[in-house]
């Protein structure tokens, strides 16, 4: 699965988030940035899941990062650089 605005696939990002970096071919600084990104956005993704759970009754109590990211992308709630389009 492709993660919007990221250069690594979901499998790589999920391994980094879960702490399994032994088979990852990334620099340590990239691993650190991905972990920091996840820490920063995890609460937002959790709120999307909670909203979908309440509205539609979908998703388990502890969804995998892959499910949280997919939900954000598929509901058009993915955090993007929208300010780039607001010039003028």
C-alpha atoms as a PDB file:
ATOM      1  CA  UNK A   1       0.000   0.000   0.000  1.00  0.00           C
ATOM      2  CA  UNK A   2       1.204   3.470  -0.802  1.00  0.00           C
ATOM      3  CA  UNK A   3       1.184   6.071   1.973  1.00  0.00           C
ATOM      4  CA  UNK A   4       0.306   9.550   0.674  1.00  0.00           C
ATOM      5  CA  UNK A   5       3.246  11.985   0.678  1.00  0.00           C
ATOM      6  CA  UNK A   6       5.698   9.345   1.951  1.00  0.00           C
ATOM      7  CA  UNK A   7       8.613   7.758   0.103  1.00  0.00           C
ATOM      8  CA  UNK A   8       8.325   4.360   1.747  1.00  0.00           C
ATOM      9  CA  UNK A   9       5.650   1.699   1.438  1.00  0.00           C
ATOM     10  CA  UNK A  10       3.223   0.908   4.236  1.00  0.00           C
ATOM     11  CA  UNK A  11       5.066  -2.289   5.148  1.00  0.00           C
ATOM     12  CA  UNK A  12       8.279  -0.368   5.829  1.00  0.00           C
ATOM     13  CA  UNK A  13       6.529   2.391   7.749  1.00  0.00           C
ATOM     14  CA  UNK A  14       4.571  -0.110   9.832  1.00  0.00           C
ATOM     15  CA  UNK A  15       7.734  -2.033  10.724  1.00  0.00           C
ATOM     16  CA  UNK A  16       9.428   1.186  11.803  1.00  0.00           C
ATOM     17  CA  UNK A  17       6.418   2.226  13.896  1.00  0.00           C
ATOM     18  CA  UNK A  18       6.327  -1.195  15.577  1.00  0.00           C
ATOM     19  CA  UNK A  19      10.070  -1.098  16.271  1.00  0.00           C
ATOM     20  CA  UNK A  20      11.117  -3.897  13.904  1.00  0.00           C
ATOM     21  CA  UNK A  21      13.920  -2.122  12.034  1.00  0.00           C
ATOM     22  CA  UNK A  22      16.427  -4.953  11.597  1.00  0.00           C
ATOM     23  CA  UNK A  23      15.346  -5.703   7.997  1.00  0.00           C
ATOM     24  CA  UNK A  24      14.666  -2.096   6.999  1.00  0.00           C
ATOM     25  CA  UNK A  25      16.968  -0.493   4.458  1.00  0.00           C
ATOM     26  CA  UNK A  26      16.761   3.096   5.729  1.00  0.00           C
ATOM     27  CA  UNK A  27      19.137   5.522   7.337  1.00  0.00           C
ATOM     28  CA  UNK A  28      18.727   6.034  11.061  1.00  0.00           C
ATOM     29  CA  UNK A  29      17.633   9.631  10.480  1.00  0.00           C
ATOM     30  CA  UNK A  30      14.808   8.425   8.207  1.00  0.00           C
ATOM     31  CA  UNK A  31      13.678   5.912  10.827  1.00  0.00           C
ATOM     32  CA  UNK A  32      13.691   8.665  13.439  1.00  0.00           C
ATOM     33  CA  UNK A  33      11.667  11.026  11.220  1.00  0.00           C
ATOM     34  CA  UNK A  34       9.056   8.359  10.487  1.00  0.00           C
ATOM     35  CA  UNK A  35       8.698   7.592  14.196  1.00  0.00           C
ATOM     36  CA  UNK A  36       8.368  11.297  15.007  1.00  0.00           C
ATOM     37  CA  UNK A  37       5.763  11.682  12.241  1.00  0.00           C
ATOM     38  CA  UNK A  38       3.780   8.785  13.697  1.00  0.00           C
ATOM     39  CA  UNK A  39       3.896  10.182  17.236  1.00  0.00           C
ATOM     40  CA  UNK A  40       2.715  13.549  15.943  1.00  0.00           C
ATOM     41  CA  UNK A  41      -0.217  12.198  13.887  1.00  0.00           C
ATOM     42  CA  UNK A  42      -1.277   9.065  15.803  1.00  0.00           C
ATOM     43  CA  UNK A  43      -3.905  10.852  17.911  1.00  0.00           C
ATOM     44  CA  UNK A  44      -5.450  12.348  14.758  1.00  0.00           C
ATOM     45  CA  UNK A  45      -5.639   8.910  13.135  1.00  0.00           C
ATOM     46  CA  UNK A  46      -7.127   7.444  16.322  1.00  0.00           C
ATOM     47  CA  UNK A  47      -9.839  10.121  16.276  1.00  0.00           C
ATOM     48  CA  UNK A  48     -10.714   9.220  12.678  1.00  0.00           C
ATOM     49  CA  UNK A  49     -11.031   5.555  13.672  1.00  0.00           C
ATOM     50  CA  UNK A  50     -13.168   6.468  16.703  1.00  0.00           C
ATOM     51  CA  UNK A  51     -15.443   8.548  14.481  1.00  0.00           C
ATOM     52  CA  UNK A  52     -15.814   5.733  11.936  1.00  0.00           C
ATOM     53  CA  UNK A  53     -16.439   3.249  14.743  1.00  0.00           C
ATOM     54  CA  UNK A  54     -19.172   5.423  16.223  1.00  0.00           C
ATOM     55  CA  UNK A  55     -20.790   6.308  12.904  1.00  0.00           C
ATOM     56  CA  UNK A  56     -20.563   2.972  11.070  1.00  0.00           C
ATOM     57  CA  UNK A  57     -19.560   0.403  13.693  1.00  0.00           C
ATOM     58  CA  UNK A  58     -16.362  -0.495  11.853  1.00  0.00           C
ATOM     59  CA  UNK A  59     -12.820  -1.078  13.118  1.00  0.00           C
ATOM     60  CA  UNK A  60     -11.624  -2.877  16.205  1.00  0.00           C
ATOM     61  CA  UNK A  61     -10.479  -1.284  19.446  1.00  0.00           C
ATOM     62  CA  UNK A  62      -6.775  -1.508  18.530  1.00  0.00           C
ATOM     63  CA  UNK A  63      -6.424  -1.153  14.760  1.00  0.00           C
ATOM     64  CA  UNK A  64      -3.029  -1.609  13.158  1.00  0.00           C
ATOM     65  CA  UNK A  65      -1.238   1.506  11.867  1.00  0.00           C
ATOM     66  CA  UNK A  66      -1.980   0.254   8.344  1.00  0.00           C
ATOM     67  CA  UNK A  67      -5.739   0.393   9.025  1.00  0.00           C
ATOM     68  CA  UNK A  68      -5.523   3.841  10.595  1.00  0.00           C
ATOM     69  CA  UNK A  69      -3.589   5.274   7.651  1.00  0.00           C
ATOM     70  CA  UNK A  70      -5.921   3.643   5.119  1.00  0.00           C
ATOM     71  CA  UNK A  71      -8.976   5.060   6.933  1.00  0.00           C
ATOM     72  CA  UNK A  72      -7.528   8.583   6.902  1.00  0.00           C
ATOM     73  CA  UNK A  73      -6.671   8.383   3.197  1.00  0.00           C
ATOM     74  CA  UNK A  74      -9.964   6.777   2.126  1.00  0.00           C
ATOM     75  CA  UNK A  75     -12.145   9.267   4.004  1.00  0.00           C
ATOM     76  CA  UNK A  76     -10.305  12.246   2.466  1.00  0.00           C
ATOM     77  CA  UNK A  77      -9.066  13.262   5.903  1.00  0.00           C
ATOM     78  CA  UNK A  78      -5.393  12.793   5.095  1.00  0.00           C
ATOM     79  CA  UNK A  79      -3.316  15.730   6.415  1.00  0.00           C
ATOM     80  CA  UNK A  80      -1.910  17.437   3.329  1.00  0.00           C
ATOM     81  CA  UNK A  81      -0.135  20.633   2.450  1.00  0.00           C
ATOM     82  CA  UNK A  82      -3.321  22.438   1.588  1.00  0.00           C
ATOM     83  CA  UNK A  83      -1.752  25.855   2.216  1.00  0.00           C
ATOM     84  CA  UNK A  84       0.219  25.494  -1.019  1.00  0.00           C
ATOM     85  CA  UNK A  85      -3.052  25.987  -2.893  1.00  0.00           C
ATOM     86  CA  UNK A  86      -4.188  29.022  -0.917  1.00  0.00           C
ATOM     87  CA  UNK A  87      -1.940  31.670  -2.481  1.00  0.00           C
ATOM     88  CA  UNK A  88      -3.610  34.838  -3.560  1.00  0.00           C
END
